N, C-alpha and C. Protein backbone atom coordinates (compact mmCIF):
# COMPACT_ATOMS: atom_id res chain seq x y z
N MET A 1 82.96 34.10 -35.75
CA MET A 1 84.34 34.26 -36.32
C MET A 1 84.22 35.39 -37.27
N PRO A 2 85.08 36.44 -37.13
CA PRO A 2 85.12 37.60 -37.98
C PRO A 2 85.35 37.15 -39.49
N SER A 3 84.50 37.80 -40.32
CA SER A 3 84.55 37.55 -41.70
C SER A 3 84.46 38.76 -42.49
N PRO A 4 85.58 39.59 -42.47
CA PRO A 4 85.63 40.83 -43.22
C PRO A 4 85.36 40.72 -44.72
N GLY A 5 85.64 39.55 -45.31
CA GLY A 5 85.41 39.38 -46.67
C GLY A 5 83.96 39.05 -47.05
N LEU A 6 83.25 38.80 -46.04
CA LEU A 6 81.77 38.46 -46.19
C LEU A 6 80.87 39.68 -45.86
N ASN A 7 81.10 40.19 -44.75
CA ASN A 7 80.23 41.28 -44.16
C ASN A 7 80.83 42.67 -44.38
N THR A 8 80.04 43.53 -44.91
CA THR A 8 80.44 44.88 -45.24
C THR A 8 79.40 45.86 -44.60
N VAL A 9 79.62 47.17 -44.88
CA VAL A 9 78.65 48.20 -44.35
C VAL A 9 77.33 48.15 -45.22
N ASN A 10 77.25 47.41 -46.34
CA ASN A 10 76.22 47.28 -47.17
C ASN A 10 75.37 46.11 -46.70
N ASN A 11 74.19 45.93 -47.37
CA ASN A 11 73.27 44.85 -46.98
C ASN A 11 73.73 43.50 -47.70
N GLU A 12 73.83 42.46 -46.81
CA GLU A 12 74.03 41.11 -47.28
C GLU A 12 72.84 40.26 -46.83
N THR A 13 72.18 39.69 -47.80
CA THR A 13 70.91 38.93 -47.50
C THR A 13 70.85 37.64 -48.28
N CYS A 14 69.73 36.96 -47.99
CA CYS A 14 69.55 35.75 -48.80
C CYS A 14 70.63 34.62 -48.79
N PRO A 15 71.23 34.35 -47.58
CA PRO A 15 72.32 33.29 -47.64
C PRO A 15 71.86 31.98 -47.96
N ARG A 16 72.53 31.14 -48.80
CA ARG A 16 72.25 29.80 -49.03
C ARG A 16 73.53 29.02 -49.24
N PHE A 17 73.80 28.06 -48.51
CA PHE A 17 75.04 27.22 -48.67
C PHE A 17 74.99 26.37 -49.89
N THR A 18 76.14 26.16 -50.57
CA THR A 18 76.24 25.09 -51.59
C THR A 18 75.94 23.76 -50.90
N HIS A 19 75.61 22.78 -51.75
CA HIS A 19 75.20 21.58 -51.27
C HIS A 19 76.30 20.80 -50.44
N ASP A 20 77.55 21.18 -50.63
CA ASP A 20 78.61 20.57 -49.86
C ASP A 20 78.81 21.34 -48.52
N SER A 21 78.03 22.30 -48.30
CA SER A 21 78.06 23.11 -46.97
C SER A 21 79.40 23.91 -46.82
N VAL A 22 80.04 24.11 -47.88
CA VAL A 22 81.31 24.93 -47.68
C VAL A 22 81.17 26.42 -48.14
N ARG A 23 80.85 26.64 -49.34
CA ARG A 23 80.71 27.99 -49.87
C ARG A 23 79.31 28.50 -49.62
N LEU A 24 79.17 29.82 -49.68
CA LEU A 24 77.98 30.53 -49.24
C LEU A 24 77.59 31.42 -50.45
N ALA A 25 76.39 31.26 -50.99
CA ALA A 25 75.86 32.23 -51.96
C ALA A 25 75.08 33.18 -51.22
N PHE A 26 75.10 34.42 -51.63
CA PHE A 26 74.24 35.44 -50.97
C PHE A 26 74.07 36.59 -51.83
N VAL A 27 73.31 37.55 -51.35
CA VAL A 27 72.99 38.77 -52.20
C VAL A 27 73.62 40.00 -51.48
N ARG A 28 74.32 40.83 -52.24
CA ARG A 28 74.87 41.95 -51.65
C ARG A 28 74.42 43.22 -52.49
N ASP A 29 74.05 44.31 -51.76
CA ASP A 29 73.53 45.54 -52.39
C ASP A 29 74.63 46.55 -52.08
N ASP A 30 75.66 46.76 -52.96
CA ASP A 30 76.62 47.86 -52.67
C ASP A 30 76.67 48.88 -53.81
N THR A 31 75.70 48.81 -54.74
CA THR A 31 75.69 49.73 -55.83
C THR A 31 74.23 50.29 -56.06
N GLY A 32 73.41 50.09 -55.07
CA GLY A 32 71.92 50.46 -55.18
C GLY A 32 71.08 49.35 -55.79
N ASN A 33 71.83 48.28 -56.23
CA ASN A 33 71.13 47.13 -56.85
C ASN A 33 71.63 45.81 -56.26
N LYS A 34 70.79 44.78 -56.12
CA LYS A 34 71.19 43.62 -55.69
C LYS A 34 71.92 42.68 -56.63
N ARG A 35 73.10 42.08 -56.08
CA ARG A 35 73.88 41.18 -56.95
C ARG A 35 74.17 39.99 -56.19
N ILE A 36 74.41 38.85 -56.95
CA ILE A 36 74.71 37.60 -56.36
C ILE A 36 76.26 37.45 -56.09
N ARG A 37 76.57 37.04 -55.01
CA ARG A 37 77.92 36.81 -54.61
C ARG A 37 78.25 35.42 -53.98
N LEU A 38 79.42 34.83 -54.10
CA LEU A 38 79.74 33.61 -53.65
C LEU A 38 80.99 33.63 -52.71
N TYR A 39 80.83 33.27 -51.52
CA TYR A 39 81.88 33.40 -50.45
C TYR A 39 82.62 32.12 -50.29
N GLU A 40 83.98 32.22 -50.12
CA GLU A 40 84.82 31.16 -49.86
C GLU A 40 85.40 31.27 -48.45
N PRO A 41 85.10 30.53 -47.55
CA PRO A 41 85.48 30.67 -46.08
C PRO A 41 87.07 30.47 -46.10
N TYR A 42 87.62 29.54 -46.85
CA TYR A 42 89.08 29.42 -46.78
C TYR A 42 89.77 30.54 -47.42
N GLY A 43 90.27 31.36 -46.65
CA GLY A 43 90.96 32.55 -47.17
C GLY A 43 90.03 33.81 -47.03
N ASP A 44 88.79 33.59 -46.54
CA ASP A 44 87.86 34.69 -46.30
C ASP A 44 87.72 35.61 -47.56
N THR A 45 87.42 35.04 -48.71
CA THR A 45 87.45 35.74 -49.97
C THR A 45 86.17 35.54 -50.73
N LEU A 46 85.95 36.26 -51.78
CA LEU A 46 84.74 36.08 -52.65
C LEU A 46 85.34 35.39 -53.85
N ILE A 47 84.49 34.51 -54.49
CA ILE A 47 84.87 33.78 -55.69
C ILE A 47 84.25 34.58 -56.93
N ALA A 48 85.01 34.78 -57.84
CA ALA A 48 84.53 35.49 -59.06
C ALA A 48 83.47 34.62 -59.69
N LEU A 49 82.39 35.36 -60.18
CA LEU A 49 81.28 34.80 -60.85
C LEU A 49 81.08 35.51 -62.24
N PRO A 50 82.06 35.20 -63.11
CA PRO A 50 82.07 35.96 -64.43
C PRO A 50 80.74 35.76 -65.27
N GLY A 51 80.25 36.96 -65.69
CA GLY A 51 79.01 36.94 -66.44
C GLY A 51 77.67 36.89 -65.63
N ILE A 52 77.65 36.85 -64.37
CA ILE A 52 76.43 36.73 -63.69
C ILE A 52 75.70 38.10 -63.42
N ASP A 53 76.48 39.15 -63.39
CA ASP A 53 75.89 40.38 -63.02
C ASP A 53 75.03 40.92 -64.13
N SER A 54 73.81 41.54 -63.95
CA SER A 54 73.02 42.21 -64.86
C SER A 54 73.82 43.50 -65.32
N PRO A 55 73.71 43.84 -66.47
CA PRO A 55 74.37 45.14 -66.94
C PRO A 55 73.59 46.34 -66.58
N GLY A 56 72.28 46.18 -66.23
CA GLY A 56 71.44 47.45 -65.96
C GLY A 56 71.23 47.55 -64.51
N ALA A 57 70.34 48.58 -64.23
CA ALA A 57 69.88 48.93 -62.81
C ALA A 57 68.75 47.96 -62.41
N THR A 58 69.03 46.75 -62.30
CA THR A 58 68.16 45.65 -61.93
C THR A 58 68.59 44.96 -60.67
N ASP A 59 67.71 44.04 -60.23
CA ASP A 59 68.07 43.33 -59.01
C ASP A 59 68.10 41.77 -59.26
N ASP A 60 69.15 41.15 -58.82
CA ASP A 60 69.26 39.70 -58.77
C ASP A 60 69.08 39.19 -57.34
N ASP A 61 68.33 38.13 -57.18
CA ASP A 61 67.99 37.70 -55.78
C ASP A 61 67.86 36.26 -55.71
N ALA A 62 67.69 35.75 -54.44
CA ALA A 62 67.40 34.39 -54.07
C ALA A 62 68.28 33.25 -54.81
N PRO A 63 69.65 33.41 -54.57
CA PRO A 63 70.54 32.42 -55.25
C PRO A 63 70.38 31.00 -54.68
N ALA A 64 70.43 30.02 -55.60
CA ALA A 64 70.35 28.60 -55.29
C ALA A 64 71.44 27.93 -56.00
N PRO A 65 72.62 27.60 -55.29
CA PRO A 65 73.80 27.06 -55.89
C PRO A 65 73.62 25.53 -55.90
N ASP A 66 74.53 24.92 -56.84
CA ASP A 66 74.70 23.45 -56.82
C ASP A 66 75.67 23.00 -55.80
N LEU A 67 76.30 21.84 -56.00
CA LEU A 67 77.21 21.20 -55.04
C LEU A 67 78.31 22.13 -54.58
N HIS A 68 79.01 22.78 -55.60
CA HIS A 68 80.23 23.67 -55.26
C HIS A 68 79.96 25.12 -55.62
N GLY A 69 78.90 25.45 -56.22
CA GLY A 69 78.68 26.75 -56.72
C GLY A 69 79.16 27.09 -58.09
N ASP A 70 79.32 26.02 -58.84
CA ASP A 70 79.68 26.18 -60.25
C ASP A 70 78.47 26.45 -61.14
N ARG A 71 77.19 26.16 -60.65
CA ARG A 71 76.00 26.51 -61.26
C ARG A 71 75.10 27.22 -60.15
N ILE A 72 74.55 28.29 -60.50
CA ILE A 72 73.66 29.05 -59.51
C ILE A 72 72.43 29.47 -60.17
N ALA A 73 71.32 29.03 -59.69
CA ALA A 73 69.94 29.53 -60.21
C ALA A 73 69.62 30.80 -59.38
N PHE A 74 68.89 31.73 -59.89
CA PHE A 74 68.53 32.89 -59.15
C PHE A 74 67.37 33.59 -59.87
N GLN A 75 66.64 34.52 -59.17
CA GLN A 75 65.66 35.32 -59.81
C GLN A 75 66.07 36.68 -59.99
N SER A 76 65.46 37.37 -61.04
CA SER A 76 65.98 38.58 -61.43
C SER A 76 64.86 39.33 -62.22
N ASN A 77 64.83 40.67 -62.15
CA ASN A 77 63.96 41.52 -62.84
C ASN A 77 64.56 42.05 -64.08
N ARG A 78 65.69 41.55 -64.53
CA ARG A 78 66.48 42.11 -65.61
C ARG A 78 65.78 42.12 -66.87
N ALA A 79 64.57 41.43 -67.02
CA ALA A 79 63.81 41.46 -68.21
C ALA A 79 62.43 42.16 -67.96
N GLY A 80 62.28 42.75 -66.84
CA GLY A 80 61.06 43.42 -66.40
C GLY A 80 60.46 42.78 -65.25
N ALA A 81 59.60 41.75 -65.51
CA ALA A 81 59.03 40.99 -64.40
C ALA A 81 60.05 39.99 -63.86
N LEU A 82 59.80 39.45 -62.69
CA LEU A 82 60.77 38.46 -62.05
C LEU A 82 60.71 37.16 -62.94
N HIS A 83 61.91 36.68 -63.27
CA HIS A 83 62.01 35.49 -63.84
C HIS A 83 63.29 34.71 -63.28
N VAL A 84 63.40 33.30 -63.56
CA VAL A 84 64.38 32.54 -62.95
C VAL A 84 65.51 32.39 -64.05
N TYR A 85 66.72 32.56 -63.65
CA TYR A 85 67.87 32.33 -64.53
C TYR A 85 68.85 31.42 -63.99
N VAL A 86 69.71 30.87 -64.78
CA VAL A 86 70.62 29.95 -64.34
C VAL A 86 72.08 30.43 -64.96
N TRP A 87 73.02 30.55 -63.96
CA TRP A 87 74.40 30.88 -64.30
C TRP A 87 75.22 29.68 -64.23
N ASN A 88 76.14 29.50 -65.20
CA ASN A 88 77.20 28.52 -65.23
C ASN A 88 78.58 29.05 -65.29
N ARG A 89 79.43 28.36 -64.55
CA ARG A 89 80.87 28.96 -64.52
C ARG A 89 81.36 28.95 -65.98
N VAL A 90 81.05 27.96 -66.78
CA VAL A 90 81.48 28.07 -68.08
C VAL A 90 80.30 28.40 -68.95
N GLY A 91 80.29 29.59 -69.43
CA GLY A 91 79.20 30.02 -70.33
C GLY A 91 78.35 31.18 -69.76
N GLY A 92 78.48 31.44 -68.55
CA GLY A 92 77.68 32.60 -67.86
C GLY A 92 76.20 32.25 -67.77
N VAL A 93 75.39 33.26 -67.92
CA VAL A 93 73.95 32.96 -67.73
C VAL A 93 73.36 32.37 -68.90
N ALA A 94 72.78 31.19 -68.74
CA ALA A 94 72.21 30.36 -69.82
C ALA A 94 70.99 31.01 -70.37
N SER A 95 70.73 30.86 -71.65
CA SER A 95 69.42 31.30 -72.27
C SER A 95 68.45 30.22 -72.27
N LEU A 96 67.39 30.44 -71.44
CA LEU A 96 66.41 29.32 -71.27
C LEU A 96 65.06 29.95 -71.60
N PRO A 97 64.71 29.93 -72.97
CA PRO A 97 63.44 30.54 -73.25
C PRO A 97 62.21 29.91 -72.53
N ALA A 98 62.22 28.74 -72.15
CA ALA A 98 61.13 28.00 -71.45
C ALA A 98 60.79 28.75 -70.23
N LEU A 99 61.82 29.31 -69.53
CA LEU A 99 61.68 29.94 -68.34
C LEU A 99 61.27 31.34 -68.22
N VAL A 100 61.03 31.91 -69.48
CA VAL A 100 60.58 33.28 -69.66
C VAL A 100 59.32 33.33 -70.32
N GLY A 101 58.25 33.90 -69.69
CA GLY A 101 56.96 33.88 -70.30
C GLY A 101 56.07 34.98 -69.65
N ASP A 102 54.84 34.81 -69.72
CA ASP A 102 53.84 35.72 -69.22
C ASP A 102 53.62 35.59 -67.72
N SER A 103 54.58 35.70 -66.99
CA SER A 103 54.48 35.26 -65.69
C SER A 103 55.49 35.89 -64.74
N THR A 104 55.30 35.53 -63.39
CA THR A 104 56.33 35.92 -62.39
C THR A 104 56.92 34.66 -61.96
N ASP A 105 58.16 34.40 -62.07
CA ASP A 105 58.86 33.03 -61.66
C ASP A 105 59.77 33.39 -60.58
N VAL A 106 59.68 32.65 -59.45
CA VAL A 106 60.34 33.12 -58.28
C VAL A 106 60.91 31.83 -57.50
N GLU A 107 61.71 32.10 -56.43
CA GLU A 107 62.08 31.12 -55.49
C GLU A 107 62.71 29.84 -56.09
N PRO A 108 63.81 29.91 -56.72
CA PRO A 108 64.43 28.72 -57.35
C PRO A 108 65.08 27.86 -56.35
N SER A 109 65.06 26.53 -56.64
CA SER A 109 65.81 25.48 -55.86
C SER A 109 66.56 24.64 -56.92
N LEU A 110 67.85 24.52 -56.71
CA LEU A 110 68.69 23.72 -57.66
C LEU A 110 69.23 22.48 -56.87
N SER A 111 69.15 21.40 -57.64
CA SER A 111 69.67 20.10 -57.08
C SER A 111 71.13 20.20 -56.95
N ALA A 112 71.78 19.26 -56.16
CA ALA A 112 73.21 19.24 -55.92
C ALA A 112 73.95 19.01 -57.18
N ASN A 113 73.47 18.18 -58.11
CA ASN A 113 74.08 17.86 -59.39
C ASN A 113 73.90 19.02 -60.43
N GLY A 114 73.11 20.03 -60.11
CA GLY A 114 72.88 21.10 -60.99
C GLY A 114 71.87 20.71 -62.16
N ARG A 115 71.29 19.63 -62.11
CA ARG A 115 70.39 19.19 -63.11
C ARG A 115 68.93 19.62 -62.98
N TRP A 116 68.39 19.52 -61.75
CA TRP A 116 66.95 19.72 -61.54
C TRP A 116 66.76 21.18 -61.01
N LEU A 117 65.78 21.86 -61.63
CA LEU A 117 65.56 23.25 -61.22
C LEU A 117 64.08 23.27 -60.78
N ALA A 118 63.75 23.54 -59.53
CA ALA A 118 62.34 23.85 -59.09
C ALA A 118 62.08 25.30 -58.75
N PHE A 119 60.92 25.73 -59.13
CA PHE A 119 60.70 27.17 -58.79
C PHE A 119 59.10 27.22 -58.80
N ALA A 120 58.63 28.43 -58.28
CA ALA A 120 57.25 28.75 -58.27
C ALA A 120 56.87 29.83 -59.32
N SER A 121 55.74 29.67 -59.87
CA SER A 121 55.31 30.62 -60.91
C SER A 121 53.84 30.69 -60.94
N ASN A 122 53.41 31.92 -61.47
CA ASN A 122 51.98 32.15 -61.74
C ASN A 122 51.67 32.05 -63.23
N ARG A 123 52.51 31.38 -63.94
CA ARG A 123 52.30 31.38 -65.45
C ARG A 123 50.98 30.81 -65.83
N SER A 124 50.50 31.16 -67.06
CA SER A 124 49.25 30.64 -67.55
C SER A 124 49.42 29.10 -67.68
N GLY A 125 48.24 28.46 -67.57
CA GLY A 125 48.10 26.99 -67.74
C GLY A 125 48.32 26.27 -66.48
N GLY A 126 48.53 26.91 -65.32
CA GLY A 126 48.68 26.31 -64.13
C GLY A 126 47.39 26.02 -63.45
N ALA A 127 47.43 25.46 -62.18
CA ALA A 127 46.26 25.02 -61.48
C ALA A 127 45.53 26.15 -60.80
N GLY A 128 46.23 27.13 -60.64
CA GLY A 128 45.71 28.39 -59.91
C GLY A 128 46.66 28.99 -59.01
N GLY A 129 46.68 30.28 -58.93
CA GLY A 129 47.70 31.10 -58.09
C GLY A 129 49.04 30.83 -58.54
N TYR A 130 49.95 30.65 -57.49
CA TYR A 130 51.31 30.20 -57.76
C TYR A 130 51.43 28.67 -57.80
N ASP A 131 52.07 28.07 -58.74
CA ASP A 131 52.31 26.62 -58.74
C ASP A 131 53.79 26.32 -58.71
N VAL A 132 54.13 25.13 -58.35
CA VAL A 132 55.55 24.65 -58.38
C VAL A 132 55.80 23.93 -59.64
N TYR A 133 56.97 24.19 -60.23
CA TYR A 133 57.34 23.60 -61.47
C TYR A 133 58.73 22.93 -61.25
N LEU A 134 58.98 21.96 -62.10
CA LEU A 134 60.27 21.27 -62.11
C LEU A 134 60.77 21.17 -63.47
N TYR A 135 62.03 21.71 -63.62
CA TYR A 135 62.63 21.80 -65.03
C TYR A 135 63.91 20.96 -65.04
N ASP A 136 64.04 20.04 -66.07
CA ASP A 136 65.23 19.30 -66.20
C ASP A 136 66.17 20.04 -67.13
N LEU A 137 67.16 20.61 -66.60
CA LEU A 137 68.12 21.29 -67.33
C LEU A 137 69.00 20.51 -68.32
N GLN A 138 69.11 19.29 -68.10
CA GLN A 138 69.81 18.36 -68.98
C GLN A 138 69.09 18.00 -70.28
N SER A 139 67.79 17.84 -70.10
CA SER A 139 66.87 17.46 -71.30
C SER A 139 66.22 18.75 -71.82
N ALA A 140 66.27 19.83 -71.13
CA ALA A 140 65.56 21.14 -71.45
C ALA A 140 64.14 20.93 -71.61
N ALA A 141 63.50 20.36 -70.51
CA ALA A 141 62.12 19.99 -70.49
C ALA A 141 61.53 19.99 -69.11
N PHE A 142 60.25 20.48 -69.08
CA PHE A 142 59.57 20.47 -67.77
C PHE A 142 59.17 19.04 -67.44
N VAL A 143 59.08 18.72 -66.16
CA VAL A 143 58.77 17.41 -65.62
C VAL A 143 57.37 17.53 -65.11
N ARG A 144 56.40 16.68 -65.56
CA ARG A 144 55.08 16.53 -65.00
C ARG A 144 55.00 16.34 -63.56
N LEU A 145 54.15 17.06 -62.91
CA LEU A 145 54.00 16.91 -61.34
C LEU A 145 52.55 16.59 -61.15
N PRO A 146 51.98 15.50 -61.50
CA PRO A 146 50.56 15.24 -61.26
C PRO A 146 50.15 15.26 -59.75
N ARG A 147 49.07 16.00 -59.52
CA ARG A 147 48.39 16.12 -58.14
C ARG A 147 49.15 17.16 -57.24
N LEU A 148 50.31 17.55 -57.65
CA LEU A 148 51.02 18.47 -56.71
C LEU A 148 50.38 19.85 -56.52
N ASN A 149 49.98 20.50 -57.64
CA ASN A 149 49.49 21.85 -57.63
C ASN A 149 47.86 21.80 -57.48
N GLY A 150 47.41 22.79 -56.63
CA GLY A 150 45.92 22.89 -56.47
C GLY A 150 45.54 24.29 -56.80
N ALA A 151 44.28 24.74 -56.41
CA ALA A 151 43.71 25.97 -56.86
C ALA A 151 44.36 27.08 -55.97
N GLY A 152 44.95 26.82 -54.80
CA GLY A 152 45.61 27.80 -54.06
C GLY A 152 47.00 28.03 -54.46
N ASP A 153 47.90 28.46 -53.54
CA ASP A 153 49.30 28.78 -53.84
C ASP A 153 50.20 27.61 -53.43
N GLU A 154 51.13 27.28 -54.23
CA GLU A 154 52.25 26.40 -53.96
C GLU A 154 53.50 27.18 -54.20
N ARG A 155 54.40 27.27 -53.20
CA ARG A 155 55.57 28.14 -53.41
C ARG A 155 56.77 27.60 -52.57
N HIS A 156 57.90 28.12 -52.72
CA HIS A 156 59.22 27.75 -52.00
C HIS A 156 59.58 26.41 -52.14
N PRO A 157 59.73 25.82 -53.35
CA PRO A 157 60.06 24.39 -53.47
C PRO A 157 61.48 24.16 -53.05
N ALA A 158 61.75 22.86 -52.62
CA ALA A 158 63.15 22.48 -52.26
C ALA A 158 63.16 21.09 -52.94
N VAL A 159 64.10 20.91 -54.01
CA VAL A 159 64.19 19.64 -54.72
C VAL A 159 65.34 18.84 -54.31
N SER A 160 65.16 17.47 -54.27
CA SER A 160 66.18 16.50 -53.90
C SER A 160 67.20 16.29 -54.93
N ALA A 161 68.38 15.70 -54.61
CA ALA A 161 69.50 15.60 -55.45
C ALA A 161 69.10 14.88 -56.74
N ASP A 162 68.24 13.91 -56.62
CA ASP A 162 67.86 13.02 -57.80
C ASP A 162 66.60 13.58 -58.59
N GLY A 163 66.06 14.74 -58.06
CA GLY A 163 64.95 15.37 -58.70
C GLY A 163 63.57 14.58 -58.49
N GLN A 164 63.63 13.50 -57.49
CA GLN A 164 62.40 12.79 -57.45
C GLN A 164 61.59 13.13 -56.24
N ARG A 165 62.06 14.08 -55.37
CA ARG A 165 61.27 14.45 -54.23
C ARG A 165 61.31 16.01 -54.08
N LEU A 166 60.18 16.55 -53.61
CA LEU A 166 60.06 17.92 -53.53
C LEU A 166 59.39 18.21 -52.13
N PHE A 167 59.90 19.22 -51.42
CA PHE A 167 59.20 19.78 -50.32
C PHE A 167 58.77 21.23 -50.78
N PHE A 168 57.54 21.70 -50.26
CA PHE A 168 57.10 23.07 -50.68
C PHE A 168 56.15 23.58 -49.69
N ALA A 169 55.80 24.83 -49.79
CA ALA A 169 54.80 25.47 -48.89
C ALA A 169 53.54 25.63 -49.72
N ALA A 170 52.37 25.39 -49.03
CA ALA A 170 51.07 25.55 -49.79
C ALA A 170 50.06 26.16 -48.94
N ARG A 171 49.04 26.75 -49.40
CA ARG A 171 47.85 27.14 -48.69
C ARG A 171 46.66 27.00 -49.70
N ALA A 172 45.62 26.53 -49.06
CA ALA A 172 44.37 26.21 -49.91
C ALA A 172 43.83 27.48 -50.52
N ASN A 173 43.80 28.57 -49.84
CA ASN A 173 43.18 29.82 -50.35
C ASN A 173 43.81 30.92 -49.43
N PRO A 174 43.73 32.14 -49.82
CA PRO A 174 44.37 33.25 -49.11
C PRO A 174 44.10 33.37 -47.65
N ALA A 175 42.96 32.79 -47.28
CA ALA A 175 42.51 32.86 -45.88
C ALA A 175 43.23 31.77 -45.01
N LYS A 176 43.86 30.78 -45.61
CA LYS A 176 44.47 29.63 -44.94
C LYS A 176 46.00 29.89 -44.62
N ASN A 177 46.41 29.33 -43.58
CA ASN A 177 47.86 29.44 -43.29
C ASN A 177 48.80 28.62 -44.20
N TRP A 178 50.00 29.06 -44.27
CA TRP A 178 50.88 28.21 -45.04
C TRP A 178 51.28 26.98 -44.26
N THR A 179 51.37 25.82 -44.96
CA THR A 179 51.84 24.52 -44.34
C THR A 179 52.69 23.86 -45.39
N LEU A 180 53.63 22.97 -44.75
CA LEU A 180 54.75 22.31 -45.49
C LEU A 180 54.17 20.97 -46.05
N TRP A 181 54.46 20.63 -47.30
CA TRP A 181 54.15 19.31 -47.90
C TRP A 181 55.29 18.70 -48.59
N ALA A 182 55.12 17.39 -48.85
CA ALA A 182 56.15 16.58 -49.46
C ALA A 182 55.56 15.97 -50.72
N TYR A 183 56.38 15.66 -51.68
CA TYR A 183 55.86 15.07 -52.93
C TYR A 183 56.92 14.25 -53.59
N THR A 184 56.48 13.01 -54.04
CA THR A 184 57.37 12.13 -54.68
C THR A 184 56.92 11.86 -56.12
N LEU A 185 57.89 11.95 -57.04
CA LEU A 185 57.50 11.78 -58.46
C LEU A 185 57.15 10.34 -58.80
N ALA A 186 57.81 9.41 -58.23
CA ALA A 186 57.64 8.01 -58.66
C ALA A 186 56.13 7.59 -58.58
N ASP A 187 55.47 8.04 -57.61
CA ASP A 187 54.10 7.55 -57.41
C ASP A 187 53.07 8.80 -57.30
N SER A 188 53.64 10.00 -57.63
CA SER A 188 52.78 11.26 -57.66
C SER A 188 52.11 11.37 -56.20
N ALA A 189 52.80 10.97 -55.11
CA ALA A 189 52.24 10.92 -53.83
C ALA A 189 52.39 12.28 -53.21
N LEU A 190 51.43 12.97 -52.76
CA LEU A 190 51.36 14.17 -52.05
C LEU A 190 51.04 13.94 -50.66
N TYR A 191 51.89 14.29 -49.62
CA TYR A 191 51.65 13.99 -48.35
C TYR A 191 52.20 15.05 -47.37
N GLN A 192 51.80 15.00 -46.13
CA GLN A 192 52.29 15.93 -45.11
C GLN A 192 52.78 15.13 -43.95
N PRO A 193 54.11 15.14 -43.73
CA PRO A 193 54.67 14.39 -42.54
C PRO A 193 54.00 14.91 -41.25
N ALA A 194 53.64 14.00 -40.46
CA ALA A 194 52.86 14.17 -39.24
C ALA A 194 53.34 15.42 -38.44
N ARG A 195 54.69 15.50 -38.26
CA ARG A 195 55.19 16.56 -37.50
C ARG A 195 55.20 17.96 -38.22
N LEU A 196 54.84 17.98 -39.38
CA LEU A 196 54.67 19.17 -40.07
C LEU A 196 53.22 19.63 -40.23
N ALA A 197 52.34 18.83 -39.83
CA ALA A 197 50.87 19.09 -39.95
C ALA A 197 50.46 20.13 -38.93
N ASP A 198 50.83 21.28 -39.02
CA ASP A 198 50.37 22.27 -38.00
C ASP A 198 49.49 23.31 -38.63
N THR A 199 48.26 23.17 -38.36
CA THR A 199 47.28 24.13 -39.00
C THR A 199 47.10 25.43 -38.33
N THR A 200 47.78 25.64 -37.14
CA THR A 200 47.53 26.81 -36.44
C THR A 200 48.70 27.88 -36.72
N GLY A 201 49.83 27.39 -37.10
CA GLY A 201 50.89 28.26 -37.38
C GLY A 201 51.16 28.58 -38.84
N VAL A 202 52.21 29.29 -39.17
CA VAL A 202 52.62 29.43 -40.53
C VAL A 202 53.98 28.88 -40.75
N ASP A 203 53.96 27.98 -41.65
CA ASP A 203 55.24 27.20 -42.08
C ASP A 203 55.54 27.46 -43.58
N ARG A 204 56.63 27.97 -43.85
CA ARG A 204 57.01 28.21 -45.28
C ARG A 204 58.48 28.28 -45.50
N GLN A 205 58.97 28.40 -46.68
CA GLN A 205 60.32 28.55 -47.09
C GLN A 205 61.20 27.31 -46.66
N PRO A 206 60.82 26.10 -46.91
CA PRO A 206 61.72 24.97 -46.58
C PRO A 206 62.95 24.96 -47.41
N TYR A 207 64.07 24.64 -46.79
CA TYR A 207 65.40 24.65 -47.50
C TYR A 207 66.15 23.47 -46.97
N LEU A 208 66.43 22.59 -48.00
CA LEU A 208 67.08 21.32 -47.66
C LEU A 208 68.31 21.26 -48.51
N ARG A 209 69.40 20.72 -48.08
CA ARG A 209 70.61 20.55 -48.89
C ARG A 209 70.75 19.00 -49.02
N TRP A 210 70.08 18.48 -50.08
CA TRP A 210 70.30 17.06 -50.42
C TRP A 210 71.57 16.84 -51.21
N ARG A 211 72.23 15.78 -50.92
CA ARG A 211 73.45 15.52 -51.67
C ARG A 211 73.30 14.08 -52.37
């Protein structure tokens, strides 16, 4: 279906639907820098996101919207290194000091209710390489994830609507392939569904829209 309000002569990348599967968050580069946009299919228009754009020549990327797109997590180099930010329709980009540190923070996933934020980071104090973190935006606190992270890299998390389950990609060391894993907070269970246990291929970037 033609969508002139969505596609232009510029680059449109990183599409991700809101959890209700209606609106589409994506990245557009029409000024030499990447910016987050939200597309409304009814009327073939873009929805205004007041206060989300960086004022400088920086790049915003990897949008992760909530149920309707009223809250969007994303990664940006607006402070130098890549960090994760959260935009709210009321209030704009939130100031979350806990998410800014001596690290590179990437690949956010936001739950449908906009409360749970998962992301990958190489911040100090982790188990090694990139680790998966879960942040409760309601209580402004990190959630402990016993047994989830190891000495290798854990990246590309996808968090459930209740914040109790995560899917993510992991590799034991740089020589190993990426494989997909699941984790439940209630019992700190780390497991690999049988059909995802492929040690010969490369599996990564899981994306689930839990409601």
